[in-house]
Amino acid sequence: MAQVALKVIRPVVRLSSRIAPRTVGRAAFHLFCTPFGHARIDEKNPALAKAKTIFAQAEHRHLTHGCGSVRVARLAPEGPARGRVLLVHGWLGQGLFMAGFAEKLVARGYEVQAIDLPAHGGSSGRRLNFPLAIEALSALARESGEAFAGIIGHSFGGAVALAAAAGGVPLFPKLGVERIVTIAAPNAMQPYGRVFSKTLGLGQRAHAAFEGEVLAVAGRPMESFNGSAYLQDLHQPTLVIHAPDDKEIPFSDAEAMAGVGAHVQLHAAPGLGHRRILFDEGVQARAAEFIAGS
């Protein structure tokens, strides 16, 4: 949110949160779930040009879920597939940004499905949160009834992947998946909610209402959306890829998840930041190799 707008809004929010904390907290949560400023597709960027070329070969369709529809791109090998792999982009992204992973996986014999999460890319909706994301993934999983060979999620998509596999939202069953890869994913969501509330100027009671809305919508408190906690219950081999120089999600989040147990591996990708990491061929190959069990 622009600093100029914040200077105007914050005093109003601070006063309103004292007068009507529940109303303001609930409104703040819905604002927290609203994506603004989707990542721009630069036609001159060679990495994005390559991604568009890869996705030009995909079968594109829309899948209906409880609250709308999501766009899914499917790429498959020439012969019988070794299994299905699901690709989940991050906040403000879209499936197109995961095209490099799709290319590497198809070359290894996998069918790949890259989803545009609700309110992103070619999908419907105005808001995105864990229940909405997991609802869309569950609809895709129900189509075949078979477990995914793997799931690769970037940033918010990585957090969603862990929550879905662990049954983090009671409304939906655990997502069947054999291997998990997270890329630049946050470990816990609660700290980001607190930063958001502080940035807006919410008081304590309004922030409590903000977190109360999470419980009402997701059926779990905000502190339960925690990658380390999920990984303690999950036994699937998991690869955590993160850049030490990531300015959006600290590397310590990856270290916390990797410290859970021997089934979790950490792959540091220095110099690749939070978004460039998606277009690095070494990272793409490492993720594909892990899914393949190499």
C-alpha atoms as a PDB file:
ATOM      1  CA  MET A   1       0.000   0.000   0.000  1.00  0.00           C
ATOM      2  CA  ALA A   2       1.379   3.413  -0.991  1.00  0.00           C
ATOM      3  CA  GLN A   3       2.959   5.369   1.839  1.00  0.00           C
ATOM      4  CA  VAL A   4       0.943   8.493   0.996  1.00  0.00           C
ATOM      5  CA  ALA A   5      -2.318   6.552   1.264  1.00  0.00           C
ATOM      6  CA  LEU A   6      -1.198   5.001   4.540  1.00  0.00           C
ATOM      7  CA  LYS A   7      -0.545   8.412   6.079  1.00  0.00           C
ATOM      8  CA  VAL A   8      -4.138   9.356   5.310  1.00  0.00           C
ATOM      9  CA  ILE A   9      -5.747   6.024   6.237  1.00  0.00           C
ATOM     10  CA  ARG A  10      -3.835   5.096   9.411  1.00  0.00           C
ATOM     11  CA  PRO A  11      -5.242   7.836  11.714  1.00  0.00           C
ATOM     12  CA  VAL A  12      -8.790   7.062  10.516  1.00  0.00           C
ATOM     13  CA  VAL A  13      -8.303   3.319  11.056  1.00  0.00           C
ATOM     14  CA  ARG A  14      -6.755   3.889  14.496  1.00  0.00           C
ATOM     15  CA  LEU A  15      -9.736   5.964  15.621  1.00  0.00           C
ATOM     16  CA  SER A  16     -12.296   3.613  14.044  1.00  0.00           C
ATOM     17  CA  SER A  17     -10.692   0.563  15.638  1.00  0.00           C
ATOM     18  CA  ARG A  18     -11.350   2.108  19.068  1.00  0.00           C
ATOM     19  CA  ILE A  19     -14.979   2.859  18.289  1.00  0.00           C
ATOM     20  CA  ALA A  20     -15.889  -0.339  16.391  1.00  0.00           C
ATOM     21  CA  PRO A  21     -12.999  -2.810  16.770  1.00  0.00           C
ATOM     22  CA  ARG A  22     -14.929  -5.852  15.563  1.00  0.00           C
ATOM     23  CA  THR A  23     -16.148  -4.194  12.368  1.00  0.00           C
ATOM     24  CA  VAL A  24     -12.758  -2.683  11.575  1.00  0.00           C
ATOM     25  CA  GLY A  25     -10.916  -5.947  12.356  1.00  0.00           C
ATOM     26  CA  ARG A  26     -13.173  -7.946  10.049  1.00  0.00           C
ATOM     27  CA  ALA A  27     -12.786  -5.359   7.282  1.00  0.00           C
ATOM     28  CA  ALA A  28      -9.018  -5.437   7.724  1.00  0.00           C
ATOM     29  CA  PHE A  29      -8.986  -9.220   7.329  1.00  0.00           C
ATOM     30  CA  HIS A  30     -10.886  -9.001   4.039  1.00  0.00           C
ATOM     31  CA  LEU A  31      -8.436  -6.330   2.886  1.00  0.00           C
ATOM     32  CA  PHE A  32      -5.575  -8.652   3.912  1.00  0.00           C
ATOM     33  CA  CYS A  33      -7.075 -11.318   1.609  1.00  0.00           C
ATOM     34  CA  THR A  34      -7.439  -8.977  -1.372  1.00  0.00           C
ATOM     35  CA  PRO A  35      -4.592  -9.062  -3.914  1.00  0.00           C
ATOM     36  CA  PHE A  36      -3.552  -5.675  -5.294  1.00  0.00           C
ATOM     37  CA  GLY A  37      -1.031  -4.991  -8.054  1.00  0.00           C
ATOM     38  CA  HIS A  38      -0.574  -8.353  -9.748  1.00  0.00           C
ATOM     39  CA  ALA A  39       2.939  -9.059 -10.999  1.00  0.00           C
ATOM     40  CA  ARG A  40       3.340  -7.498 -14.433  1.00  0.00           C
ATOM     41  CA  ILE A  41       4.211  -9.693 -17.409  1.00  0.00           C
ATOM     42  CA  ASP A  42       7.124  -7.992 -19.141  1.00  0.00           C
ATOM     43  CA  GLU A  43       7.058  -9.062 -22.780  1.00  0.00           C
ATOM     44  CA  LYS A  44      10.755  -8.142 -23.095  1.00  0.00           C
ATOM     45  CA  ASN A  45      11.826 -10.398 -20.242  1.00  0.00           C
ATOM     46  CA  PRO A  46      13.496 -13.486 -21.809  1.00  0.00           C
ATOM     47  CA  ALA A  47      12.443 -15.718 -18.899  1.00  0.00           C
ATOM     48  CA  LEU A  48       8.789 -14.755 -19.263  1.00  0.00           C
ATOM     49  CA  ALA A  49       8.989 -15.056 -23.053  1.00  0.00           C
ATOM     50  CA  LYS A  50      10.244 -18.614 -22.590  1.00  0.00           C
ATOM     51  CA  ALA A  51       7.482 -19.313 -20.064  1.00  0.00           C
ATOM     52  CA  LYS A  52       4.838 -18.160 -22.558  1.00  0.00           C
ATOM     53  CA  THR A  53       6.355 -20.411 -25.227  1.00  0.00           C
ATOM     54  CA  ILE A  54       6.146 -23.403 -22.857  1.00  0.00           C
ATOM     55  CA  PHE A  55       2.563 -22.612 -21.870  1.00  0.00           C
ATOM     56  CA  ALA A  56       1.546 -22.152 -25.508  1.00  0.00           C
ATOM     57  CA  GLN A  57       1.850 -25.943 -25.733  1.00  0.00           C
ATOM     58  CA  ALA A  58      -0.412 -26.526 -22.728  1.00  0.00           C
ATOM     59  CA  GLU A  59      -4.061 -27.490 -22.609  1.00  0.00           C
ATOM     60  CA  HIS A  60      -5.884 -24.660 -20.837  1.00  0.00           C
ATOM     61  CA  ARG A  61      -9.255 -25.069 -19.158  1.00  0.00           C
ATOM     62  CA  HIS A  62     -11.373 -23.749 -16.319  1.00  0.00           C
ATOM     63  CA  LEU A  63     -12.290 -25.921 -13.355  1.00  0.00           C
ATOM     64  CA  THR A  64     -15.329 -25.092 -11.250  1.00  0.00           C
ATOM     65  CA  HIS A  65     -14.936 -25.117  -7.472  1.00  0.00           C
ATOM     66  CA  GLY A  66     -17.221 -24.034  -4.649  1.00  0.00           C
ATOM     67  CA  CYS A  67     -16.805 -20.283  -5.043  1.00  0.00           C
ATOM     68  CA  GLY A  68     -16.033 -19.872  -8.726  1.00  0.00           C
ATOM     69  CA  SER A  69     -13.604 -21.255 -11.269  1.00  0.00           C
ATOM     70  CA  VAL A  70      -9.850 -21.532 -11.629  1.00  0.00           C
ATOM     71  CA  ARG A  71      -7.739 -21.739 -14.774  1.00  0.00           C
ATOM     72  CA  VAL A  72      -5.548 -24.810 -15.076  1.00  0.00           C
ATOM     73  CA  ALA A  73      -2.753 -25.380 -17.592  1.00  0.00           C
ATOM     74  CA  ARG A  74      -1.911 -29.039 -18.287  1.00  0.00           C
ATOM     75  CA  LEU A  75       1.248 -30.303 -19.940  1.00  0.00           C
ATOM     76  CA  ALA A  76       1.929 -33.998 -20.467  1.00  0.00           C
ATOM     77  CA  PRO A  77       4.768 -36.177 -21.807  1.00  0.00           C
ATOM     78  CA  GLU A  78       4.391 -38.059 -25.082  1.00  0.00           C
ATOM     79  CA  GLY A  79       4.152 -41.483 -23.457  1.00  0.00           C
ATOM     80  CA  PRO A  80       2.453 -42.712 -20.268  1.00  0.00           C
ATOM     81  CA  ALA A  81       2.984 -40.305 -17.359  1.00  0.00           C
ATOM     82  CA  ARG A  82       4.918 -41.295 -14.227  1.00  0.00           C
ATOM     83  CA  GLY A  83       2.390 -39.348 -12.189  1.00  0.00           C
ATOM     84  CA  ARG A  84       0.844 -35.892 -11.772  1.00  0.00           C
ATOM     85  CA  VAL A  85       2.612 -32.893 -10.281  1.00  0.00           C
ATOM     86  CA  LEU A  86       0.766 -29.797  -9.127  1.00  0.00           C
ATOM     87  CA  LEU A  87       2.356 -26.334  -9.418  1.00  0.00           C
ATOM     88  CA  VAL A  88       1.093 -23.522  -7.162  1.00  0.00           C
ATOM     89  CA  HIS A  89       2.219 -19.927  -7.689  1.00  0.00           C
ATOM     90  CA  GLY A  90       2.623 -17.232  -5.057  1.00  0.00           C
ATOM     91  CA  TRP A  91       0.713 -14.113  -4.025  1.00  0.00           C
ATOM     92  CA  LEU A  92       0.128 -11.782  -7.015  1.00  0.00           C
ATOM     93  CA  GLY A  93       1.545 -14.425  -9.379  1.00  0.00           C
ATOM     94  CA  GLN A  94      -0.007 -16.925 -11.776  1.00  0.00           C
ATOM     95  CA  GLY A  95       0.645 -20.405 -13.110  1.00  0.00           C
ATOM     96  CA  LEU A  96       2.653 -19.004 -16.018  1.00  0.00           C
ATOM     97  CA  PHE A  97       5.473 -18.130 -13.622  1.00  0.00           C
ATOM     98  CA  MET A  98       5.902 -21.841 -12.850  1.00  0.00           C
ATOM     99  CA  ALA A  99       6.410 -22.830 -16.506  1.00  0.00           C
ATOM    100  CA  GLY A 100      10.129 -23.600 -16.098  1.00  0.00           C
ATOM    101  CA  PHE A 101       9.323 -26.256 -13.495  1.00  0.00           C
ATOM    102  CA  ALA A 102       6.684 -27.709 -15.811  1.00  0.00           C
ATOM    103  CA  GLU A 103       9.206 -28.045 -18.620  1.00  0.00           C
ATOM    104  CA  LYS A 104      11.697 -29.896 -16.402  1.00  0.00           C
ATOM    105  CA  LEU A 105       9.043 -32.214 -15.015  1.00  0.00           C
ATOM    106  CA  VAL A 106       7.513 -33.111 -18.384  1.00  0.00           C
ATOM    107  CA  ALA A 107      11.009 -33.967 -19.610  1.00  0.00           C
ATOM    108  CA  ARG A 108      11.196 -36.462 -16.723  1.00  0.00           C
ATOM    109  CA  GLY A 109       7.922 -38.076 -17.732  1.00  0.00           C
ATOM    110  CA  TYR A 110       5.410 -36.300 -15.465  1.00  0.00           C
ATOM    111  CA  GLU A 111       2.067 -34.768 -16.267  1.00  0.00           C
ATOM    112  CA  VAL A 112       1.986 -31.235 -14.860  1.00  0.00           C
ATOM    113  CA  GLN A 113      -0.987 -29.142 -13.806  1.00  0.00           C
ATOM    114  CA  ALA A 114      -0.326 -25.468 -13.062  1.00  0.00           C
ATOM    115  CA  ILE A 115      -3.206 -23.670 -11.376  1.00  0.00           C
ATOM    116  CA  ASP A 116      -4.107 -19.997 -11.231  1.00  0.00           C
ATOM    117  CA  LEU A 117      -5.354 -19.544  -7.672  1.00  0.00           C
ATOM    118  CA  PRO A 118      -8.624 -17.660  -7.054  1.00  0.00           C
ATOM    119  CA  ALA A 119      -8.397 -13.917  -7.807  1.00  0.00           C
ATOM    120  CA  HIS A 120      -5.200 -14.500  -9.807  1.00  0.00           C
ATOM    121  CA  GLY A 121      -4.337 -14.969 -13.479  1.00  0.00           C
ATOM    122  CA  GLY A 122      -7.302 -16.280 -15.453  1.00  0.00           C
ATOM    123  CA  SER A 123      -9.298 -17.406 -12.415  1.00  0.00           C
ATOM    124  CA  SER A 124     -12.414 -15.807 -10.970  1.00  0.00           C
ATOM    125  CA  GLY A 125     -12.786 -14.116  -7.609  1.00  0.00           C
ATOM    126  CA  ARG A 126     -11.661 -11.004  -5.777  1.00  0.00           C
ATOM    127  CA  ARG A 127     -10.073 -12.503  -2.663  1.00  0.00           C
ATOM    128  CA  LEU A 128      -7.677 -15.287  -1.766  1.00  0.00           C
ATOM    129  CA  ASN A 129      -7.068 -17.063   1.526  1.00  0.00           C
ATOM    130  CA  PHE A 130      -6.135 -20.572   2.659  1.00  0.00           C
ATOM    131  CA  PRO A 131      -9.665 -22.042   2.502  1.00  0.00           C
ATOM    132  CA  LEU A 132     -10.258 -20.666  -1.004  1.00  0.00           C
ATOM    133  CA  ALA A 133      -6.883 -21.918  -2.240  1.00  0.00           C
ATOM    134  CA  ILE A 134      -7.265 -25.378  -0.694  1.00  0.00           C
ATOM    135  CA  GLU A 135     -10.822 -25.639  -1.998  1.00  0.00           C
ATOM    136  CA  ALA A 136      -9.474 -25.155  -5.542  1.00  0.00           C
ATOM    137  CA  LEU A 137      -6.668 -27.688  -5.043  1.00  0.00           C
ATOM    138  CA  SER A 138      -9.151 -30.198  -3.599  1.00  0.00           C
ATOM    139  CA  ALA A 139     -11.414 -29.813  -6.640  1.00  0.00           C
ATOM    140  CA  LEU A 140      -8.459 -30.590  -8.893  1.00  0.00           C
ATOM    141  CA  ALA A 141      -7.486 -33.606  -6.781  1.00  0.00           C
ATOM    142  CA  ARG A 142     -11.006 -35.057  -6.886  1.00  0.00           C
ATOM    143  CA  GLU A 143     -10.940 -35.293 -10.684  1.00  0.00           C
ATOM    144  CA  SER A 144      -8.818 -38.439 -10.716  1.00  0.00           C
ATOM    145  CA  GLY A 145      -8.966 -39.550  -7.101  1.00  0.00           C
ATOM    146  CA  GLU A 146      -5.252 -40.344  -7.235  1.00  0.00           C
ATOM    147  CA  ALA A 147      -2.498 -38.808  -5.127  1.00  0.00           C
ATOM    148  CA  PHE A 148      -0.203 -36.290  -6.751  1.00  0.00           C
ATOM    149  CA  ALA A 149       3.352 -37.498  -7.261  1.00  0.00           C
ATOM    150  CA  GLY A 150       4.453 -34.087  -6.085  1.00  0.00           C
ATOM    151  CA  ILE A 151       3.510 -30.489  -5.427  1.00  0.00           C
ATOM    152  CA  ILE A 152       5.728 -27.434  -5.903  1.00  0.00           C
ATOM    153  CA  GLY A 153       4.605 -24.162  -4.337  1.00  0.00           C
ATOM    154  CA  HIS A 154       6.158 -20.694  -4.380  1.00  0.00           C
ATOM    155  CA  SER A 155       5.805 -18.246  -1.467  1.00  0.00           C
ATOM    156  CA  PHE A 156       2.129 -18.206  -0.404  1.00  0.00           C
ATOM    157  CA  GLY A 157       1.662 -21.214  -2.706  1.00  0.00           C
ATOM    158  CA  GLY A 158       4.286 -23.118  -0.722  1.00  0.00           C
ATOM    159  CA  ALA A 159       2.475 -22.362   2.533  1.00  0.00           C
ATOM    160  CA  VAL A 160      -0.791 -23.507   0.923  1.00  0.00           C
ATOM    161  CA  ALA A 161       0.857 -26.723  -0.302  1.00  0.00           C
ATOM    162  CA  LEU A 162       1.930 -27.652   3.238  1.00  0.00           C
ATOM    163  CA  ALA A 163      -1.433 -26.721   4.728  1.00  0.00           C
ATOM    164  CA  ALA A 164      -3.307 -28.727   2.092  1.00  0.00           C
ATOM    165  CA  ALA A 165      -1.120 -31.809   2.571  1.00  0.00           C
ATOM    166  CA  ALA A 166      -1.494 -31.611   6.359  1.00  0.00           C
ATOM    167  CA  GLY A 167      -5.249 -31.005   6.366  1.00  0.00           C
ATOM    168  CA  GLY A 168      -4.790 -27.487   7.692  1.00  0.00           C
ATOM    169  CA  VAL A 169      -8.383 -26.440   6.919  1.00  0.00           C
ATOM    170  CA  PRO A 170     -10.938 -28.807   8.507  1.00  0.00           C
ATOM    171  CA  LEU A 171     -13.446 -28.363   5.672  1.00  0.00           C
ATOM    172  CA  PHE A 172     -11.203 -30.268   3.259  1.00  0.00           C
ATOM    173  CA  PRO A 173      -9.462 -33.658   3.434  1.00  0.00           C
ATOM    174  CA  LYS A 174      -5.696 -33.915   3.330  1.00  0.00           C
ATOM    175  CA  LEU A 175      -4.332 -33.482  -0.177  1.00  0.00           C
ATOM    176  CA  GLY A 176      -2.783 -36.761  -1.325  1.00  0.00           C
ATOM    177  CA  VAL A 177       0.799 -35.976  -2.331  1.00  0.00           C
ATOM    178  CA  GLU A 178       3.989 -38.047  -2.286  1.00  0.00           C
ATOM    179  CA  ARG A 179       6.667 -35.315  -2.332  1.00  0.00           C
ATOM    180  CA  ILE A 180       6.615 -31.613  -1.509  1.00  0.00           C
ATOM    181  CA  VAL A 181       8.789 -28.704  -2.650  1.00  0.00           C
ATOM    182  CA  THR A 182       8.424 -25.203  -1.205  1.00  0.00           C
ATOM    183  CA  ILE A 183      10.189 -22.221  -2.738  1.00  0.00           C
ATOM    184  CA  ALA A 184      10.629 -18.964  -0.792  1.00  0.00           C
ATOM    185  CA  ALA A 185       7.705 -19.947   1.446  1.00  0.00           C
ATOM    186  CA  PRO A 186       6.835 -18.351   4.790  1.00  0.00           C
ATOM    187  CA  ASN A 187       6.944 -20.570   7.856  1.00  0.00           C
ATOM    188  CA  ALA A 188       4.173 -18.882   9.872  1.00  0.00           C
ATOM    189  CA  MET A 189       1.354 -16.580   8.771  1.00  0.00           C
ATOM    190  CA  GLN A 190       0.588 -14.925  12.099  1.00  0.00           C
ATOM    191  CA  PRO A 191       3.624 -12.576  12.065  1.00  0.00           C
ATOM    192  CA  TYR A 192       2.572 -11.231   8.658  1.00  0.00           C
ATOM    193  CA  GLY A 193      -0.936 -10.611   9.966  1.00  0.00           C
ATOM    194  CA  ARG A 194       0.501  -8.661  12.877  1.00  0.00           C
ATOM    195  CA  VAL A 195       2.677  -6.550  10.571  1.00  0.00           C
ATOM    196  CA  PHE A 196      -0.355  -5.852   8.372  1.00  0.00           C
ATOM    197  CA  SER A 197      -2.421  -4.761  11.388  1.00  0.00           C
ATOM    198  CA  LYS A 198       0.367  -2.535  12.658  1.00  0.00           C
ATOM    199  CA  THR A 199       0.818  -0.996   9.217  1.00  0.00           C
ATOM    200  CA  LEU A 200      -2.890  -0.152   9.034  1.00  0.00           C
ATOM    201  CA  GLY A 201      -2.944   1.177  12.587  1.00  0.00           C
ATOM    202  CA  LEU A 202      -5.282  -1.398  14.168  1.00  0.00           C
ATOM    203  CA  GLY A 203      -5.622  -1.371  17.940  1.00  0.00           C
ATOM    204  CA  GLN A 204      -5.349  -4.537  20.045  1.00  0.00           C
ATOM    205  CA  ARG A 205      -9.075  -5.260  20.081  1.00  0.00           C
ATOM    206  CA  ALA A 206      -9.376  -4.709  16.342  1.00  0.00           C
ATOM    207  CA  HIS A 207      -6.445  -7.028  15.704  1.00  0.00           C
ATOM    208  CA  ALA A 208      -8.092  -9.646  17.925  1.00  0.00           C
ATOM    209  CA  ALA A 209     -11.172  -9.326  15.712  1.00  0.00           C
ATOM    210  CA  PHE A 210      -8.908  -9.649  12.660  1.00  0.00           C
ATOM    211  CA  GLU A 211      -7.580 -12.974  13.946  1.00  0.00           C
ATOM    212  CA  GLY A 212     -11.069 -13.977  15.031  1.00  0.00           C
ATOM    213  CA  GLU A 213     -12.188 -13.675  11.431  1.00  0.00           C
ATOM    214  CA  VAL A 214      -9.437 -16.107  10.427  1.00  0.00           C
ATOM    215  CA  LEU A 215     -10.887 -18.618  12.880  1.00  0.00           C
ATOM    216  CA  ALA A 216     -14.409 -18.024  11.571  1.00  0.00           C
ATOM    217  CA  VAL A 217     -13.407 -18.437   7.913  1.00  0.00           C
ATOM    218  CA  ALA A 218     -10.806 -21.208   8.197  1.00  0.00           C
ATOM    219  CA  GLY A 219     -11.959 -23.123  11.264  1.00  0.00           C
ATOM    220  CA  ARG A 220      -8.479 -22.848  12.763  1.00  0.00           C
ATOM    221  CA  PRO A 221      -6.713 -20.000  14.607  1.00  0.00           C
ATOM    222  CA  MET A 222      -4.154 -17.983  12.696  1.00  0.00           C
ATOM    223  CA  GLU A 223      -1.229 -19.352  14.703  1.00  0.00           C
ATOM    224  CA  SER A 224      -2.055 -22.870  13.455  1.00  0.00           C
ATOM    225  CA  PHE A 225      -1.042 -21.943   9.899  1.00  0.00           C
ATOM    226  CA  ASN A 226       2.566 -22.876  10.523  1.00  0.00           C
ATOM    227  CA  GLY A 227       4.866 -24.785   8.163  1.00  0.00           C
ATOM    228  CA  SER A 228       7.045 -26.277  10.910  1.00  0.00           C
ATOM    229  CA  ALA A 229       3.984 -27.621  12.725  1.00  0.00           C
ATOM    230  CA  TYR A 230       2.653 -29.139   9.507  1.00  0.00           C
ATOM    231  CA  LEU A 231       5.990 -30.768   8.741  1.00  0.00           C
ATOM    232  CA  GLN A 232       6.123 -32.365  12.183  1.00  0.00           C
ATOM    233  CA  ASP A 233       2.960 -34.267  11.262  1.00  0.00           C
ATOM    234  CA  LEU A 234       3.807 -34.901   7.615  1.00  0.00           C
ATOM    235  CA  HIS A 235       6.106 -37.763   6.671  1.00  0.00           C
ATOM    236  CA  GLN A 236       6.409 -36.995   2.965  1.00  0.00           C
ATOM    237  CA  PRO A 237       9.923 -36.099   1.775  1.00  0.00           C
ATOM    238  CA  THR A 238      10.071 -32.311   1.538  1.00  0.00           C
ATOM    239  CA  LEU A 239      12.554 -29.946  -0.090  1.00  0.00           C
ATOM    240  CA  VAL A 240      12.702 -26.347   1.131  1.00  0.00           C
ATOM    241  CA  ILE A 241      14.341 -24.007  -1.408  1.00  0.00           C
ATOM    242  CA  HIS A 242      15.098 -20.449  -0.320  1.00  0.00           C
ATOM    243  CA  ALA A 243      17.471 -17.616  -1.126  1.00  0.00           C
ATOM    244  CA  PRO A 244      19.461 -16.223   1.826  1.00  0.00           C
ATOM    245  CA  ASP A 245      19.022 -12.748   0.271  1.00  0.00           C
ATOM    246  CA  ASP A 246      15.217 -12.982   0.053  1.00  0.00           C
ATOM    247  CA  LYS A 247      13.932  -9.577   1.222  1.00  0.00           C
ATOM    248  CA  GLU A 248      10.257 -10.596   1.480  1.00  0.00           C
ATOM    249  CA  ILE A 249      10.450 -13.889   3.382  1.00  0.00           C
ATOM    250  CA  PRO A 250      13.531 -14.289   5.634  1.00  0.00           C
ATOM    251  CA  PHE A 251      15.828 -17.283   5.169  1.00  0.00           C
ATOM    252  CA  SER A 252      15.286 -18.084   8.852  1.00  0.00           C
ATOM    253  CA  ASP A 253      11.768 -19.255   7.902  1.00  0.00           C
ATOM    254  CA  ALA A 254      13.316 -21.923   5.657  1.00  0.00           C
ATOM    255  CA  GLU A 255      15.798 -22.892   8.358  1.00  0.00           C
ATOM    256  CA  ALA A 256      12.980 -23.329  10.865  1.00  0.00           C
ATOM    257  CA  MET A 257      11.126 -25.690   8.539  1.00  0.00           C
ATOM    258  CA  ALA A 258      14.254 -27.601   7.595  1.00  0.00           C
ATOM    259  CA  GLY A 259      15.052 -28.151  11.275  1.00  0.00           C
ATOM    260  CA  VAL A 260      11.924 -30.224  11.856  1.00  0.00           C
ATOM    261  CA  GLY A 261      13.371 -33.580  10.859  1.00  0.00           C
ATOM    262  CA  ALA A 262      15.385 -35.728   8.467  1.00  0.00           C
ATOM    263  CA  HIS A 263      12.515 -35.872   5.965  1.00  0.00           C
ATOM    264  CA  VAL A 264      13.001 -32.152   5.255  1.00  0.00           C
ATOM    265  CA  GLN A 265      15.951 -30.947   3.167  1.00  0.00           C
ATOM    266  CA  LEU A 266      17.117 -27.344   2.761  1.00  0.00           C
ATOM    267  CA  HIS A 267      18.524 -26.054  -0.522  1.00  0.00           C
ATOM    268  CA  ALA A 268      19.988 -22.548  -0.344  1.00  0.00           C
ATOM    269  CA  ALA A 269      19.882 -20.533  -3.567  1.00  0.00           C
ATOM    270  CA  PRO A 270      22.026 -17.432  -2.930  1.00  0.00           C
ATOM    271  CA  GLY A 271      21.572 -14.336  -5.031  1.00  0.00           C
ATOM    272  CA  LEU A 272      18.122 -15.230  -6.379  1.00  0.00           C
ATOM    273  CA  GLY A 273      15.877 -13.169  -4.116  1.00  0.00           C
ATOM    274  CA  HIS A 274      12.169 -13.849  -3.779  1.00  0.00           C
ATOM    275  CA  ARG A 275      10.976 -13.879  -7.398  1.00  0.00           C
ATOM    276  CA  ARG A 276      14.031 -14.400  -9.597  1.00  0.00           C
ATOM    277  CA  ILE A 277      14.369 -17.796  -7.924  1.00  0.00           C
ATOM    278  CA  LEU A 278      11.418 -19.047  -9.996  1.00  0.00           C
ATOM    279  CA  PHE A 279      13.238 -18.535 -13.271  1.00  0.00           C
ATOM    280  CA  ASP A 280      16.580 -20.070 -12.322  1.00  0.00           C
ATOM    281  CA  GLU A 281      17.155 -23.273 -14.289  1.00  0.00           C
ATOM    282  CA  GLY A 282      19.281 -24.750 -11.522  1.00  0.00           C
ATOM    283  CA  VAL A 283      16.438 -24.323  -9.028  1.00  0.00           C
ATOM    284  CA  GLN A 284      13.932 -25.715 -11.513  1.00  0.00           C
ATOM    285  CA  ALA A 285      16.118 -28.756 -12.151  1.00  0.00           C
ATOM    286  CA  ARG A 286      16.726 -29.335  -8.422  1.00  0.00           C
ATOM    287  CA  ALA A 287      12.994 -29.297  -7.723  1.00  0.00           C
ATOM    288  CA  ALA A 288      12.243 -31.679 -10.592  1.00  0.00           C
ATOM    289  CA  GLU A 289      15.015 -34.059  -9.510  1.00  0.00           C
ATOM    290  CA  PHE A 290      13.625 -34.128  -5.981  1.00  0.00           C
ATOM    291  CA  ILE A 291      10.113 -34.903  -7.183  1.00  0.00           C
ATOM    292  CA  ALA A 292      11.574 -37.714  -9.301  1.00  0.00           C
ATOM    293  CA  GLY A 293      13.318 -39.101  -6.227  1.00  0.00           C
ATOM    294  CA  SER A 294      16.850 -38.354  -7.454  1.00  0.00           C
END
